[in-house]
């Protein structure tokens, strides 16, 4: 079993590094979501690379967009 290194945790999102990808030897970055009832974490998105993971960590709206949640809501006033 591969150890999970938590990079950041925001709201019910957790960004983790989970070992190395065998095909290319690069780190395996994932977005995990916490179940509100059981509090268990599950993989919700597998990032293509470190840059995409860093972008999602810095922009929570992008993270929501990746998971098809309401995001980038604009004021129409």
PDB file of N, CA and C in Angstrom:
ATOM      1  N   UNK A   1       0.837  -1.179   0.000  1.00  0.00           N
ATOM      2  CA  UNK A   1       0.000   0.000   0.000  1.00  0.00           C
ATOM      3  C   UNK A   1       0.882   1.243   0.000  1.00  0.00           C
ATOM      4  N   UNK A   2       0.532   2.218  -0.818  1.00  0.00           N
ATOM      5  CA  UNK A   2       1.305   3.435  -0.961  1.00  0.00           C
ATOM      6  C   UNK A   2       0.891   4.467   0.076  1.00  0.00           C
ATOM      7  N   UNK A   3       1.863   5.118   0.671  1.00  0.00           N
ATOM      8  CA  UNK A   3       1.583   6.166   1.651  1.00  0.00           C
ATOM      9  C   UNK A   3       1.036   7.403   0.937  1.00  0.00           C
ATOM     10  N   UNK A   4       0.100   8.073   1.574  1.00  0.00           N
ATOM     11  CA  UNK A   4      -0.513   9.265   1.017  1.00  0.00           C
ATOM     12  C   UNK A   4       0.074  10.488   1.721  1.00  0.00           C
ATOM     13  N   UNK A   5       0.602  11.429   0.931  1.00  0.00           N
ATOM     14  CA  UNK A   5       1.154  12.670   1.467  1.00  0.00           C
ATOM     15  C   UNK A   5       0.150  13.780   1.181  1.00  0.00           C
ATOM     16  N   UNK A   6      -0.414  14.378   2.233  1.00  0.00           N
ATOM     17  CA  UNK A   6      -1.400  15.447   2.071  1.00  0.00           C
ATOM     18  C   UNK A   6      -0.669  16.745   1.762  1.00  0.00           C
ATOM     19  N   UNK A   7      -0.998  17.364   0.623  1.00  0.00           N
ATOM     20  CA  UNK A   7      -0.376  18.615   0.207  1.00  0.00           C
ATOM     21  C   UNK A   7      -1.158  19.822   0.720  1.00  0.00           C
ATOM     22  N   UNK A   8      -2.489  19.719   0.701  1.00  0.00           N
ATOM     23  CA  UNK A   8      -3.357  20.803   1.179  1.00  0.00           C
ATOM     24  C   UNK A   8      -4.749  20.245   1.416  1.00  0.00           C
ATOM     25  N   UNK A   9      -5.472  20.916   2.312  1.00  0.00           N
ATOM     26  CA  UNK A   9      -6.850  20.540   2.586  1.00  0.00           C
ATOM     27  C   UNK A   9      -7.671  21.816   2.727  1.00  0.00           C
ATOM     28  N   UNK A  10      -8.720  21.933   1.893  1.00  0.00           N
ATOM     29  CA  UNK A  10      -9.585  23.103   1.887  1.00  0.00           C
ATOM     30  C   UNK A  10     -11.023  22.615   1.818  1.00  0.00           C
ATOM     31  N   UNK A  11     -11.839  23.060   2.780  1.00  0.00           N
ATOM     32  CA  UNK A  11     -13.232  22.635   2.872  1.00  0.00           C
ATOM     33  C   UNK A  11     -13.314  21.110   2.836  1.00  0.00           C
ATOM     34  N   UNK A  12     -14.080  20.548   1.904  1.00  0.00           N
ATOM     35  CA  UNK A  12     -14.173  19.085   1.821  1.00  0.00           C
ATOM     36  C   UNK A  12     -13.274  18.525   0.716  1.00  0.00           C
ATOM     37  N   UNK A  13     -12.260  19.297   0.306  1.00  0.00           N
ATOM     38  CA  UNK A  13     -11.306  18.880  -0.710  1.00  0.00           C
ATOM     39  C   UNK A  13      -9.953  18.613  -0.061  1.00  0.00           C
ATOM     40  N   UNK A  14      -9.256  17.609  -0.579  1.00  0.00           N
ATOM     41  CA  UNK A  14      -7.909  17.311  -0.109  1.00  0.00           C
ATOM     42  C   UNK A  14      -7.044  16.986  -1.326  1.00  0.00           C
ATOM     43  N   UNK A  15      -5.892  17.637  -1.407  1.00  0.00           N
ATOM     44  CA  UNK A  15      -4.939  17.427  -2.492  1.00  0.00           C
ATOM     45  C   UNK A  15      -3.822  16.553  -1.957  1.00  0.00           C
ATOM     46  N   UNK A  16      -3.575  15.434  -2.635  1.00  0.00           N
ATOM     47  CA  UNK A  16      -2.600  14.474  -2.123  1.00  0.00           C
ATOM     48  C   UNK A  16      -1.640  14.018  -3.215  1.00  0.00           C
ATOM     49  N   UNK A  17      -0.485  13.540  -2.757  1.00  0.00           N
ATOM     50  CA  UNK A  17       0.469  12.865  -3.619  1.00  0.00           C
ATOM     51  C   UNK A  17       0.486  11.415  -3.161  1.00  0.00           C
ATOM     52  N   UNK A  18       0.196  10.516  -4.075  1.00  0.00           N
ATOM     53  CA  UNK A  18       0.058   9.105  -3.709  1.00  0.00           C
ATOM     54  C   UNK A  18       1.036   8.249  -4.508  1.00  0.00           C
ATOM     55  N   UNK A  19       2.298   8.307  -4.120  1.00  0.00           N
ATOM     56  CA  UNK A  19       3.304   7.471  -4.751  1.00  0.00           C
ATOM     57  C   UNK A  19       3.755   7.965  -6.106  1.00  0.00           C
ATOM     58  N   UNK A  20       4.239   7.016  -6.909  1.00  0.00           N
ATOM     59  CA  UNK A  20       4.799   7.293  -8.230  1.00  0.00           C
ATOM     60  C   UNK A  20       4.018   6.495  -9.275  1.00  0.00           C
ATOM     61  N   UNK A  21       3.766   7.120 -10.428  1.00  0.00           N
ATOM     62  CA  UNK A  21       3.111   6.439 -11.535  1.00  0.00           C
ATOM     63  C   UNK A  21       4.140   5.544 -12.223  1.00  0.00           C
ATOM     64  N   UNK A  22       3.843   4.283 -12.353  1.00  0.00           N
ATOM     65  CA  UNK A  22       4.796   3.325 -12.914  1.00  0.00           C
ATOM     66  C   UNK A  22       5.123   3.598 -14.383  1.00  0.00           C
ATOM     67  N   UNK A  23       4.169   4.068 -15.155  1.00  0.00           N
ATOM     68  CA  UNK A  23       4.373   4.261 -16.587  1.00  0.00           C
ATOM     69  C   UNK A  23       5.379   5.350 -16.928  1.00  0.00           C
ATOM     70  N   UNK A  24       5.391   6.441 -16.120  1.00  0.00           N
ATOM     71  CA  UNK A  24       6.284   7.546 -16.464  1.00  0.00           C
ATOM     72  C   UNK A  24       7.230   7.966 -15.331  1.00  0.00           C
ATOM     73  N   UNK A  25       7.097   7.363 -14.160  1.00  0.00           N
ATOM     74  CA  UNK A  25       7.988   7.672 -13.049  1.00  0.00           C
ATOM     75  C   UNK A  25       7.740   9.000 -12.374  1.00  0.00           C
ATOM     76  N   UNK A  26       6.614   9.651 -12.670  1.00  0.00           N
ATOM     77  CA  UNK A  26       6.282  10.956 -12.089  1.00  0.00           C
ATOM     78  C   UNK A  26       5.367  10.765 -10.886  1.00  0.00           C
ATOM     79  N   UNK A  27       5.329  11.755  -9.979  1.00  0.00           N
ATOM     80  CA  UNK A  27       4.441  11.657  -8.819  1.00  0.00           C
ATOM     81  C   UNK A  27       2.969  11.591  -9.237  1.00  0.00           C
ATOM     82  N   UNK A  28       2.178  10.881  -8.447  1.00  0.00           N
ATOM     83  CA  UNK A  28       0.746  10.684  -8.705  1.00  0.00           C
ATOM     84  C   UNK A  28      -0.042  11.662  -7.839  1.00  0.00           C
ATOM     85  N   UNK A  29      -0.547  12.743  -8.463  1.00  0.00           N
ATOM     86  CA  UNK A  29      -1.308  13.767  -7.742  1.00  0.00           C
ATOM     87  C   UNK A  29      -2.799  13.513  -7.907  1.00  0.00           C
ATOM     88  N   UNK A  30      -3.537  13.632  -6.791  1.00  0.00           N
ATOM     89  CA  UNK A  30      -4.972  13.355  -6.806  1.00  0.00           C
ATOM     90  C   UNK A  30      -5.743  14.380  -5.986  1.00  0.00           C
ATOM     91  N   UNK A  31      -7.009  14.553  -6.367  1.00  0.00           N
ATOM     92  CA  UNK A  31      -7.947  15.356  -5.601  1.00  0.00           C
ATOM     93  C   UNK A  31      -8.899  14.385  -4.922  1.00  0.00           C
ATOM     94  N   UNK A  32      -9.039  14.517  -3.623  1.00  0.00           N
ATOM     95  CA  UNK A  32      -9.951  13.658  -2.881  1.00  0.00           C
ATOM     96  C   UNK A  32     -11.065  14.509  -2.270  1.00  0.00           C
ATOM     97  N   UNK A  33     -12.225  13.898  -2.143  1.00  0.00           N
ATOM     98  CA  UNK A  33     -13.395  14.559  -1.569  1.00  0.00           C
ATOM     99  C   UNK A  33     -13.832  13.771  -0.341  1.00  0.00           C
ATOM    100  N   UNK A  34     -14.226  14.505   0.700  1.00  0.00           N
ATOM    101  CA  UNK A  34     -14.638  13.857   1.936  1.00  0.00           C
ATOM    102  C   UNK A  34     -16.147  13.644   1.946  1.00  0.00           C
ATOM    103  N   UNK A  35     -16.561  12.435   2.303  1.00  0.00           N
ATOM    104  CA  UNK A  35     -17.978  12.119   2.453  1.00  0.00           C
ATOM    105  C   UNK A  35     -18.484  12.806   3.708  1.00  0.00           C
ATOM    106  N   UNK A  36     -19.576  13.549   3.592  1.00  0.00           N
ATOM    107  CA  UNK A  36     -20.057  14.338   4.728  1.00  0.00           C
ATOM    108  C   UNK A  36     -20.561  13.463   5.869  1.00  0.00           C
ATOM    109  N   UNK A  37     -20.990  12.252   5.563  1.00  0.00           N
ATOM    110  CA  UNK A  37     -21.557  11.379   6.591  1.00  0.00           C
ATOM    111  C   UNK A  37     -20.498  10.503   7.261  1.00  0.00           C
ATOM    112  N   UNK A  38     -19.713   9.804   6.444  1.00  0.00           N
ATOM    113  CA  UNK A  38     -18.719   8.870   6.990  1.00  0.00           C
ATOM    114  C   UNK A  38     -17.376   9.534   7.275  1.00  0.00           C
ATOM    115  N   UNK A  39     -17.147  10.719   6.696  1.00  0.00           N
ATOM    116  CA  UNK A  39     -15.881  11.460   6.819  1.00  0.00           C
ATOM    117  C   UNK A  39     -14.719  10.746   6.126  1.00  0.00           C
ATOM    118  N   UNK A  40     -15.018   9.741   5.314  1.00  0.00           N
ATOM    119  CA  UNK A  40     -13.981   9.026   4.574  1.00  0.00           C
ATOM    120  C   UNK A  40     -13.599   9.816   3.319  1.00  0.00           C
ATOM    121  N   UNK A  41     -12.341   9.725   2.917  1.00  0.00           N
ATOM    122  CA  UNK A  41     -11.851  10.396   1.718  1.00  0.00           C
ATOM    123  C   UNK A  41     -11.853   9.414   0.546  1.00  0.00           C
ATOM    124  N   UNK A  42     -12.239   9.906  -0.641  1.00  0.00           N
ATOM    125  CA  UNK A  42     -12.198   9.080  -1.846  1.00  0.00           C
ATOM    126  C   UNK A  42     -11.629   9.915  -2.992  1.00  0.00           C
ATOM    127  N   UNK A  43     -10.965   9.238  -3.924  1.00  0.00           N
ATOM    128  CA  UNK A  43     -10.406   9.926  -5.084  1.00  0.00           C
ATOM    129  C   UNK A  43     -11.544  10.438  -5.960  1.00  0.00           C
ATOM    130  N   UNK A  44     -11.465  11.713  -6.316  1.00  0.00           N
ATOM    131  CA  UNK A  44     -12.483  12.312  -7.168  1.00  0.00           C
ATOM    132  C   UNK A  44     -11.908  12.748  -8.516  1.00  0.00           C
ATOM    133  N   UNK A  45     -10.604  13.038  -8.538  1.00  0.00           N
ATOM    134  CA  UNK A  45      -9.973  13.482  -9.784  1.00  0.00           C
ATOM    135  C   UNK A  45      -8.495  13.127  -9.738  1.00  0.00           C
ATOM    136  N   UNK A  46      -7.968  12.616 -10.844  1.00  0.00           N
ATOM    137  CA  UNK A  46      -6.551  12.304 -10.965  1.00  0.00           C
ATOM    138  C   UNK A  46      -5.927  13.375 -11.860  1.00  0.00           C
ATOM    139  N   UNK A  47      -5.000  14.143 -11.305  1.00  0.00           N
ATOM    140  CA  UNK A  47      -4.391  15.234 -12.060  1.00  0.00           C
ATOM    141  C   UNK A  47      -3.422  14.706 -13.106  1.00  0.00           C
ATOM    142  N   UNK A  48      -3.297  15.457 -14.207  1.00  0.00           N
ATOM    143  CA  UNK A  48      -2.371  15.087 -15.277  1.00  0.00           C
ATOM    144  C   UNK A  48      -0.921  15.342 -14.877  1.00  0.00           C
ATOM    145  N   UNK A  49      -0.704  16.404 -14.079  1.00  0.00           N
ATOM    146  CA  UNK A  49       0.659  16.768 -13.709  1.00  0.00           C
ATOM    147  C   UNK A  49       0.648  17.683 -12.481  1.00  0.00           C
ATOM    148  N   UNK A  50       1.835  18.048 -12.023  1.00  0.00           N
ATOM    149  CA  UNK A  50       1.986  18.887 -10.830  1.00  0.00           C
ATOM    150  C   UNK A  50       1.417  20.290 -11.050  1.00  0.00           C
ATOM    151  N   UNK A  51       1.548  20.824 -12.252  1.00  0.00           N
ATOM    152  CA  UNK A  51       1.058  22.163 -12.548  1.00  0.00           C
ATOM    153  C   UNK A  51      -0.461  22.238 -12.413  1.00  0.00           C
ATOM    154  N   UNK A  52      -1.160  21.235 -12.903  1.00  0.00           N
ATOM    155  CA  UNK A  52      -2.614  21.218 -12.790  1.00  0.00           C
ATOM    156  C   UNK A  52      -3.033  21.115 -11.327  1.00  0.00           C
ATOM    157  N   UNK A  53      -2.327  20.319 -10.543  1.00  0.00           N
ATOM    158  CA  UNK A  53      -2.618  20.184  -9.120  1.00  0.00           C
ATOM    159  C   UNK A  53      -2.383  21.516  -8.411  1.00  0.00           C
ATOM    160  N   UNK A  54      -1.289  22.192  -8.713  1.00  0.00           N
ATOM    161  CA  UNK A  54      -0.978  23.484  -8.098  1.00  0.00           C
ATOM    162  C   UNK A  54      -2.025  24.533  -8.465  1.00  0.00           C
ATOM    163  N   UNK A  55      -2.500  24.511  -9.704  1.00  0.00           N
ATOM    164  CA  UNK A  55      -3.538  25.442 -10.137  1.00  0.00           C
ATOM    165  C   UNK A  55      -4.825  25.205  -9.356  1.00  0.00           C
ATOM    166  N   UNK A  56      -5.199  23.954  -9.186  1.00  0.00           N
ATOM    167  CA  UNK A  56      -6.417  23.622  -8.439  1.00  0.00           C
ATOM    168  C   UNK A  56      -6.291  24.009  -6.966  1.00  0.00           C
ATOM    169  N   UNK A  57      -5.090  23.859  -6.389  1.00  0.00           N
ATOM    170  CA  UNK A  57      -4.894  24.244  -4.992  1.00  0.00           C
ATOM    171  C   UNK A  57      -5.002  25.751  -4.808  1.00  0.00           C
ATOM    172  N   UNK A  58      -4.576  26.519  -5.809  1.00  0.00           N
ATOM    173  CA  UNK A  58      -4.598  27.974  -5.685  1.00  0.00           C
ATOM    174  C   UNK A  58      -5.933  28.590  -6.109  1.00  0.00           C
ATOM    175  N   UNK A  59      -6.755  27.865  -6.858  1.00  0.00           N
ATOM    176  CA  UNK A  59      -8.037  28.378  -7.347  1.00  0.00           C
ATOM    177  C   UNK A  59      -9.141  27.368  -7.025  1.00  0.00           C
ATOM    178  N   UNK A  60      -9.837  27.583  -5.928  1.00  0.00           N
ATOM    179  CA  UNK A  60     -10.876  26.654  -5.485  1.00  0.00           C
ATOM    180  C   UNK A  60     -12.021  26.549  -6.493  1.00  0.00           C
ATOM    181  N   UNK A  61     -12.285  27.613  -7.230  1.00  0.00           N
ATOM    182  CA  UNK A  61     -13.339  27.569  -8.254  1.00  0.00           C
ATOM    183  C   UNK A  61     -12.956  26.597  -9.378  1.00  0.00           C
ATOM    184  N   UNK A  62     -11.683  26.544  -9.731  1.00  0.00           N
ATOM    185  CA  UNK A  62     -11.213  25.581 -10.737  1.00  0.00           C
ATOM    186  C   UNK A  62     -11.402  24.155 -10.221  1.00  0.00           C
ATOM    187  N   UNK A  63     -11.136  23.951  -8.945  1.00  0.00           N
ATOM    188  CA  UNK A  63     -11.340  22.638  -8.339  1.00  0.00           C
ATOM    189  C   UNK A  63     -12.802  22.224  -8.458  1.00  0.00           C
ATOM    190  N   UNK A  64     -13.705  23.137  -8.161  1.00  0.00           N
ATOM    191  CA  UNK A  64     -15.136  22.848  -8.291  1.00  0.00           C
ATOM    192  C   UNK A  64     -15.497  22.552  -9.750  1.00  0.00           C
ATOM    193  N   UNK A  65     -14.897  23.297 -10.671  1.00  0.00           N
ATOM    194  CA  UNK A  65     -15.164  23.100 -12.092  1.00  0.00           C
ATOM    195  C   UNK A  65     -14.746  21.695 -12.525  1.00  0.00           C
ATOM    196  N   UNK A  66     -13.601  21.216 -12.036  1.00  0.00           N
ATOM    197  CA  UNK A  66     -13.136  19.866 -12.363  1.00  0.00           C
ATOM    198  C   UNK A  66     -14.131  18.801 -11.916  1.00  0.00           C
ATOM    199  N   UNK A  67     -14.852  19.077 -10.830  1.00  0.00           N
ATOM    200  CA  UNK A  67     -15.799  18.112 -10.272  1.00  0.00           C
ATOM    201  C   UNK A  67     -17.235  18.367 -10.713  1.00  0.00           C
ATOM    202  N   UNK A  68     -17.411  19.272 -11.682  1.00  0.00           N
ATOM    203  CA  UNK A  68     -18.735  19.591 -12.211  1.00  0.00           C
ATOM    204  C   UNK A  68     -19.673  20.124 -11.131  1.00  0.00           C
ATOM    205  N   UNK A  69     -19.129  20.971 -10.253  1.00  0.00           N
ATOM    206  CA  UNK A  69     -19.924  21.640  -9.225  1.00  0.00           C
ATOM    207  C   UNK A  69     -20.119  23.100  -9.638  1.00  0.00           C
ATOM    208  N   UNK A  70     -21.142  23.762  -9.096  1.00  0.00           N
ATOM    209  CA  UNK A  70     -21.323  25.185  -9.423  1.00  0.00           C
ATOM    210  C   UNK A  70     -20.057  25.984  -9.074  1.00  0.00           C
ATOM    211  N   UNK A  71     -19.604  26.794 -10.054  1.00  0.00           N
ATOM    212  CA  UNK A  71     -18.373  27.560  -9.848  1.00  0.00           C
ATOM    213  C   UNK A  71     -18.395  28.815 -10.707  1.00  0.00           C
ATOM    214  N   UNK A  72     -17.451  29.687 -10.442  1.00  0.00           N
ATOM    215  CA  UNK A  72     -17.311  30.930 -11.171  1.00  0.00           C
ATOM    216  C   UNK A  72     -18.661  31.637 -11.326  1.00  0.00           C
ATOM    217  N   UNK A  73     -19.412  31.711 -10.235  1.00  0.00           N
ATOM    218  CA  UNK A  73     -20.724  32.352 -10.253  1.00  0.00           C
ATOM    219  C   UNK A  73     -20.525  33.859 -10.318  1.00  0.00           C
ATOM    220  N   UNK A  74     -21.269  34.493 -11.216  1.00  0.00           N
ATOM    221  CA  UNK A  74     -21.109  35.914 -11.474  1.00  0.00           C
ATOM    222  C   UNK A  74     -22.314  36.679 -10.929  1.00  0.00           C
ATOM    223  N   UNK A  75     -22.054  37.861 -10.401  1.00  0.00           N
ATOM    224  CA  UNK A  75     -23.133  38.751  -9.971  1.00  0.00           C
ATOM    225  C   UNK A  75     -23.745  39.407 -11.196  1.00  0.00           C
ATOM    226  N   UNK A  76     -25.063  39.354 -11.324  1.00  0.00           N
ATOM    227  CA  UNK A  76     -25.737  39.960 -12.476  1.00  0.00           C
ATOM    228  C   UNK A  76     -26.407  41.268 -12.124  1.00  0.00           C
ATOM    229  N   UNK A  77     -25.930  41.938 -11.105  1.00  0.00           N
ATOM    230  CA  UNK A  77     -26.551  43.203 -10.688  1.00  0.00           C
ATOM    231  C   UNK A  77     -26.132  44.351 -11.553  1.00  0.00           C
TER     232      UNK A  77
END
